[in-house]
Protein backbone atom coordinates (compact mmCIF):
# COMPACT_ATOMS: atom_id res chain seq x y z
CA MET A 1 57.64 -73.93 148.92
CA GLY A 2 54.44 -72.10 148.09
CA PHE A 3 54.66 -69.66 145.01
CA PRO A 4 52.62 -66.11 144.55
CA VAL A 5 49.80 -65.80 142.10
CA VAL A 6 47.78 -62.36 140.83
CA ARG A 7 44.64 -61.61 139.35
CA TYR A 8 44.95 -59.40 136.49
CA GLU A 9 43.09 -57.50 133.74
CA GLU A 10 44.35 -57.26 130.21
CA ASN A 11 42.43 -56.04 127.51
CA GLN A 12 39.38 -56.17 129.20
CA THR A 13 40.07 -59.88 129.99
CA TYR A 14 40.10 -61.14 133.76
CA SER A 15 42.89 -64.05 134.07
CA TRP A 16 45.30 -65.32 136.62
CA GLY A 17 48.99 -65.95 136.63
CA VAL A 18 51.99 -67.04 138.39
CA VAL A 19 54.63 -64.32 139.53
CA LYS A 20 58.25 -65.10 138.42
CA GLY A 21 60.58 -62.12 139.07
CA ASP A 22 59.24 -58.93 136.86
CA ASN A 23 56.60 -61.42 134.82
CA VAL A 24 53.44 -63.19 135.16
CA ILE A 25 53.15 -66.49 133.67
CA PRO A 26 49.42 -66.67 132.58
CA VAL A 27 47.68 -69.90 133.84
CA PRO A 28 45.58 -71.75 131.23
CA GLY A 29 41.62 -71.68 131.97
CA ILE A 30 38.87 -69.47 132.63
CA PHE A 31 38.31 -68.49 136.22
CA ASP A 32 35.70 -66.41 137.23
CA SER A 33 36.07 -66.48 140.79
CA LEU A 34 38.57 -67.13 143.34
CA ALA A 35 36.52 -70.27 144.55
CA ALA A 36 36.91 -71.49 140.43
CA PHE A 37 40.42 -70.84 140.64
CA LEU A 38 40.99 -72.60 143.88
CA LYS A 39 39.32 -75.75 142.65
CA ASP A 40 40.48 -76.29 139.22
CA GLY A 41 43.50 -73.50 138.80
CA VAL A 42 46.05 -74.00 141.69
CA ASP A 43 47.27 -77.47 140.40
CA LYS A 44 47.88 -75.69 136.66
CA ALA A 45 49.80 -72.63 138.61
CA ARG A 46 51.29 -74.95 140.89
CA GLU A 47 52.83 -77.15 137.54
CA ILE A 48 54.05 -73.64 135.78
CA ALA A 49 55.48 -72.43 139.33
CA VAL A 50 57.60 -75.55 139.35
CA SER A 51 58.47 -75.27 135.81
CA ASP A 52 61.28 -73.77 133.95
CA ILE A 53 58.75 -71.10 132.19
CA ASP A 54 59.87 -67.56 133.10
CA THR A 55 58.85 -65.42 129.80
CA GLY A 56 55.27 -64.11 130.52
CA ILE A 57 54.10 -60.46 130.72
CA SER A 58 55.84 -57.99 132.34
CA THR A 59 53.65 -56.79 135.85
CA ASN A 60 54.16 -53.13 134.76
CA ASN A 61 51.64 -53.72 131.80
CA LEU A 62 49.00 -55.32 133.70
CA GLN A 63 46.29 -53.98 135.97
CA ILE A 64 46.77 -56.11 139.38
CA LEU A 65 43.22 -56.86 140.99
CA SER A 66 42.10 -58.19 144.37
CA PRO A 67 42.69 -61.92 144.45
CA ILE A 68 39.42 -62.22 146.66
CA THR A 69 36.29 -62.03 144.31
CA ARG A 70 32.95 -61.48 145.30
CA PRO A 71 30.92 -63.21 146.37
CA ALA A 72 33.00 -63.60 149.51
CA GLN A 73 32.75 -63.33 153.41
CA ILE A 74 34.96 -61.03 155.08
CA VAL A 75 35.49 -62.13 158.61
CA CYS A 76 37.52 -59.73 160.62
CA GLN A 77 39.45 -60.12 164.33
CA GLY A 78 39.64 -56.86 166.02
CA LEU A 79 42.13 -56.27 168.94
CA ASN A 80 44.24 -59.30 168.26
CA TYR A 81 47.60 -57.65 169.24
CA SER A 82 48.39 -56.44 172.72
CA SER A 83 49.86 -53.02 171.14
CA HIS A 84 46.93 -52.25 169.29
CA ARG A 85 44.90 -53.12 172.38
CA ALA A 86 46.87 -50.53 174.44
CA GLU A 87 46.13 -47.87 171.89
CA ALA A 88 42.72 -48.77 171.80
CA GLY A 89 42.24 -48.14 175.49
CA SER A 90 41.76 -51.96 176.09
CA SER A 91 45.45 -53.02 177.89
CA GLU A 92 43.75 -55.98 179.83
CA LYS A 93 44.11 -59.39 178.29
CA PRO A 94 41.40 -60.33 176.45
CA THR A 95 38.42 -62.67 177.75
CA PHE A 96 37.20 -63.41 174.11
CA ASN A 97 38.05 -63.32 170.38
CA LEU A 98 36.12 -60.24 168.90
CA ILE A 99 34.98 -61.21 165.57
CA PHE A 100 33.21 -58.94 163.29
CA SER A 101 32.70 -58.34 159.40
CA LYS A 102 33.44 -55.98 156.65
CA ALA A 103 30.83 -55.54 153.55
CA GLU A 104 32.53 -57.65 150.34
CA SER A 105 31.52 -54.40 148.38
CA SER A 106 34.49 -52.63 150.39
CA LEU A 107 36.97 -54.90 148.56
CA CYS A 108 39.40 -53.27 146.21
CA GLY A 109 42.39 -54.03 144.31
CA PRO A 110 46.21 -53.40 145.90
CA ASN A 111 46.69 -50.05 143.83
CA ASP A 112 43.46 -48.56 143.54
CA HIS A 113 42.28 -45.03 145.11
CA VAL A 114 40.91 -45.51 148.73
CA ILE A 115 37.88 -43.10 148.24
CA ARG A 116 37.27 -41.00 151.23
CA PRO A 117 33.50 -40.03 151.86
CA GLU A 118 32.93 -36.17 151.90
CA HIS A 119 31.71 -36.38 155.65
CA VAL A 120 34.61 -38.84 157.13
CA GLU A 121 37.54 -36.75 158.71
CA LEU A 122 39.19 -39.11 160.79
CA LEU A 123 40.14 -42.05 158.28
CA ASP A 124 42.78 -44.75 159.68
CA TYR A 125 44.89 -47.54 158.25
CA GLU A 126 45.04 -51.03 159.83
CA ILE A 127 47.61 -53.64 157.99
CA GLU A 128 46.61 -57.30 158.35
CA LEU A 129 47.43 -60.55 157.36
CA GLY A 130 44.66 -62.05 155.35
CA LEU A 131 43.79 -65.93 155.32
CA VAL A 132 41.95 -67.24 152.32
CA ILE A 133 39.66 -70.31 152.89
CA LYS A 134 40.67 -73.53 150.78
CA THR A 135 37.80 -75.86 151.66
CA GLU A 136 34.12 -75.63 152.83
CA ILE A 137 33.30 -75.86 156.43
CA THR A 138 30.19 -76.35 157.70
CA HIS A 139 30.39 -77.96 160.85
CA THR A 140 32.79 -77.46 163.80
CA ILE A 141 36.23 -78.64 163.75
CA GLU A 142 39.51 -78.51 165.52
CA VAL A 143 42.14 -76.70 163.64
CA THR A 144 45.82 -77.47 164.57
CA GLU A 145 49.01 -76.90 163.09
CA ASN A 146 49.01 -80.19 161.88
CA ASN A 147 45.82 -79.72 159.59
CA LEU A 148 45.89 -75.61 159.04
CA PHE A 149 46.90 -76.67 155.83
CA ASP A 150 43.77 -78.35 154.89
CA TYR A 151 41.94 -75.39 155.62
CA VAL A 152 43.80 -72.25 154.34
CA ALA A 153 44.62 -72.02 150.89
CA GLY A 154 46.86 -69.00 150.84
CA LEU A 155 47.98 -65.55 152.47
CA VAL A 156 47.40 -62.14 151.54
CA ILE A 157 47.94 -58.72 152.58
CA THR A 158 44.82 -56.46 153.72
CA ASN A 159 43.95 -53.05 155.10
CA ASP A 160 41.14 -52.62 157.37
CA VAL A 161 40.57 -49.09 156.37
CA SER A 162 38.34 -47.27 159.00
CA ALA A 163 36.16 -44.17 159.51
CA ARG A 164 36.76 -43.79 163.21
CA ASP A 165 34.60 -41.05 163.33
CA ILE A 166 31.90 -43.53 162.21
CA GLN A 167 33.03 -46.74 163.95
CA ILE A 168 33.47 -45.28 167.27
CA PRO A 169 30.36 -43.31 167.96
CA GLN A 170 28.28 -45.82 165.79
CA ASP A 171 29.28 -48.89 164.50
CA LEU A 172 32.15 -51.29 163.50
CA PHE A 173 30.55 -52.53 160.53
CA LYS A 174 29.25 -48.95 159.59
CA GLY A 175 32.94 -47.58 159.90
CA LYS A 176 34.66 -50.18 158.10
CA SER A 177 32.54 -51.05 155.04
CA TYR A 178 32.52 -47.92 152.68
CA ARG A 179 33.48 -48.90 149.33
CA THR A 180 37.13 -49.13 148.63
CA PHE A 181 37.82 -49.85 152.53
CA CYS A 182 39.31 -53.13 151.89
CA PRO A 183 42.40 -53.41 149.61
CA VAL A 184 44.02 -56.75 149.04
CA GLY A 185 46.71 -58.24 147.39
CA PRO A 186 48.61 -57.93 145.31
CA TYR A 187 49.58 -61.47 145.61
CA LEU A 188 47.54 -64.44 146.55
CA TYR A 189 50.44 -66.77 148.12
CA ILE A 190 49.74 -70.23 147.60
CA LEU A 191 50.52 -72.11 150.81
CA ASP A 192 52.50 -75.34 150.80
CA ARG A 193 52.31 -77.69 153.59
CA ASP A 194 55.86 -76.90 154.38
CA ASP A 195 54.76 -72.84 154.86
CA ILE A 196 52.64 -73.19 157.70
CA PRO A 197 55.08 -72.89 160.29
CA ARG A 198 56.10 -69.62 158.70
CA ILE A 199 52.52 -68.07 159.14
CA SER A 200 53.74 -67.55 162.87
CA ASN A 201 56.56 -65.38 161.70
CA LEU A 202 55.64 -63.00 159.29
CA GLU A 203 56.30 -59.40 159.61
CA LEU A 204 54.02 -56.52 158.65
CA LYS A 205 54.81 -53.19 157.89
CA LEU A 206 52.71 -50.05 156.90
CA TRP A 207 54.28 -46.60 155.90
CA VAL A 208 52.28 -43.42 155.27
CA ASN A 209 53.95 -41.19 152.75
CA GLU A 210 57.26 -43.05 153.43
CA GLU A 211 56.60 -42.85 157.43
CA LEU A 212 56.63 -46.12 159.09
CA ARG A 213 53.59 -46.29 161.08
CA GLN A 214 52.92 -50.09 161.75
CA SER A 215 55.63 -52.75 162.30
CA ALA A 216 55.13 -56.22 164.04
CA ASN A 217 55.26 -59.95 163.89
CA THR A 218 52.53 -62.47 163.36
CA LYS A 219 54.25 -64.44 166.38
CA GLN A 220 52.70 -61.57 168.40
CA LEU A 221 48.77 -62.51 167.47
CA ILE A 222 46.85 -63.18 170.64
CA TYR A 223 44.43 -65.66 168.90
CA LYS A 224 46.24 -67.56 166.53
CA PRO A 225 44.70 -68.74 163.20
CA THR A 226 44.11 -72.28 164.39
CA GLU A 227 42.50 -70.98 167.62
CA THR A 228 40.09 -68.54 165.27
CA LEU A 229 39.01 -71.14 162.60
CA THR A 230 38.27 -73.60 165.37
CA GLU A 231 35.98 -71.14 166.83
CA LEU A 232 34.30 -69.69 163.56
CA SER A 233 34.05 -73.54 162.57
CA GLY A 234 31.19 -73.68 165.50
CA LEU A 235 29.55 -70.49 164.75
CA MET A 236 29.38 -70.29 160.79
CA ASP A 237 29.89 -71.80 157.61
CA LEU A 238 32.95 -70.85 155.56
CA SER A 239 33.64 -71.14 151.87
CA PRO A 240 36.46 -71.53 149.47
CA GLY A 241 37.78 -68.23 148.63
CA ASP A 242 36.22 -66.70 151.90
CA LEU A 243 38.64 -64.22 153.89
CA ILE A 244 40.01 -63.91 157.47
CA MET A 245 41.48 -60.95 158.51
CA THR A 246 43.61 -61.93 161.43
CA GLY A 247 43.79 -58.28 163.35
CA THR A 248 45.98 -55.15 162.88
CA PRO A 249 49.34 -54.27 165.28
CA GLY A 250 49.72 -50.92 167.06
CA GLY A 251 50.81 -47.76 165.30
CA VAL A 252 47.25 -46.99 164.01
CA ALA A 253 46.17 -43.35 164.09
CA VAL A 254 43.16 -43.68 166.50
CA GLN A 255 44.37 -43.11 170.17
CA LEU A 256 41.61 -43.97 173.22
CA SER A 257 42.23 -43.56 176.92
CA GLY A 258 40.41 -44.90 179.72
CA GLU A 259 39.14 -41.76 180.38
CA LEU A 260 38.03 -41.07 176.92
CA ILE A 261 36.12 -44.30 177.02
CA GLN A 262 34.74 -43.56 180.26
CA LYS A 263 33.38 -39.62 179.32
CA MET A 264 31.73 -41.06 175.84
CA SER A 265 29.86 -43.72 177.95
CA GLU A 266 28.53 -41.41 180.42
CA TYR A 267 27.31 -39.21 177.84
CA PRO A 268 26.07 -41.24 174.93
CA GLU A 269 24.04 -39.12 173.38
CA LYS A 270 27.29 -36.89 172.95
CA LYS A 271 29.56 -39.63 171.97
CA ALA A 272 30.26 -38.36 168.54
CA GLU A 273 30.79 -34.99 169.55
CA ILE A 274 33.37 -35.86 172.45
CA PHE A 275 35.15 -38.60 170.49
CA ARG A 276 35.79 -35.90 167.62
CA ASP A 277 36.72 -33.04 169.76
CA ASN A 278 38.93 -35.50 171.33
CA GLN A 279 40.67 -36.41 167.92
CA LYS A 280 40.79 -33.25 166.24
CA ASP A 281 44.50 -32.40 166.55
CA ASN A 282 45.79 -35.44 165.88
CA VAL A 283 47.92 -35.48 162.67
CA HIS A 284 48.03 -39.24 162.03
CA TYR A 285 44.67 -39.66 160.34
CA LEU A 286 44.70 -40.14 156.81
CA LYS A 287 44.48 -37.11 154.25
CA ASP A 288 43.74 -36.73 150.80
CA GLY A 289 46.74 -37.32 149.07
CA ASP A 290 48.51 -39.46 151.47
CA ARG A 291 49.92 -42.58 150.10
CA ILE A 292 49.78 -45.98 152.07
CA ARG A 293 52.24 -48.88 151.55
CA CYS A 294 51.84 -52.09 153.02
CA GLU A 295 54.47 -55.32 152.93
CA ILE A 296 53.95 -58.55 154.87
CA LYS A 297 57.08 -61.12 154.55
CA SER A 298 58.37 -64.14 156.43
CA ALA A 299 61.69 -63.37 158.46
CA ASP A 300 63.44 -65.83 156.44
CA GLY A 301 62.18 -63.95 153.02
CA LEU A 302 60.59 -67.11 151.47
CA ILE A 303 57.21 -65.85 151.65
CA ASP A 304 56.82 -62.19 150.48
CA LEU A 305 53.09 -60.68 149.72
CA GLY A 306 54.46 -58.17 147.28
CA VAL A 307 53.81 -54.23 148.05
CA GLN A 308 50.49 -53.02 148.24
CA GLU A 309 50.17 -49.12 147.56
CA ASN A 310 47.29 -47.08 147.64
CA LEU A 311 46.38 -43.52 147.51
CA ILE A 312 43.67 -41.61 149.40
CA VAL A 313 41.40 -39.57 147.51
CA GLY A 314 38.12 -37.50 148.27
CA ASN A 315 34.60 -38.04 146.85
CA SER A 316 32.04 -35.36 147.63
CA SER A 317 29.52 -37.38 146.28
CA ASN A 318 30.15 -40.40 148.52
CA GLN A 319 27.77 -39.78 151.20
């Protein structure tokens, strides 16, 4: 079995540790990036994970950070669950794998505040399974269930926070790339080869103020990790520590109809106005003071990526 690790700050020092119950066992060494930890720290962490050592630092006394560190590419999949495609106004079977990116400066920790820019009124949530790249990919490869372990180091919870009133009328990248719009963690689950089949049976759940909004299973993914990594390898280079976000299921706030999409396409100069007017009475968008909680676990309970919890706060200075 694999095991969970965290990146944390203690006394202004950044460290990595193995999670055992409510304690974190520090991994000896200094690793200034996720790539460095994957290269030189994972074997040390694995030794701790299988040892009898269980005395460490209480998680209550640590500031847990995003396990994804900069620099890192954040590569995202869109409309990769049928349930989300339907609420986005596209119920047809996709003809291609929708790929986009988020700015690396959107990364934040699993308990950090998500800052809503003053001009953003339609703020949305999207729980997603994140795949962490293990090895350099510089040419086209065929990724299968048999060799996926060679390319994916671990799994994380991610939240693709989205400003819909920027994304829909303007641009995916802009609407999804504000600072703090990509909470990650708390755990980086380091995979073992035996865990690979479980990636296709992970349960995703997201709550807003204790109301369950999203609930799905990765068996519902349209484009599986093997297909996506194969396609990406023919398109771009990937490096250890890069993040692949596999898409969100249904249950998000935004709801688009074919009629609305048609109207926006007919009047492109009024697209933003039409969209905002259509969505103004939707009470599911995030407001300041809302709290998002995300969990991802395998159906058999052997993989648990922890609990991510973020508070929405306004920031009038963020333009």
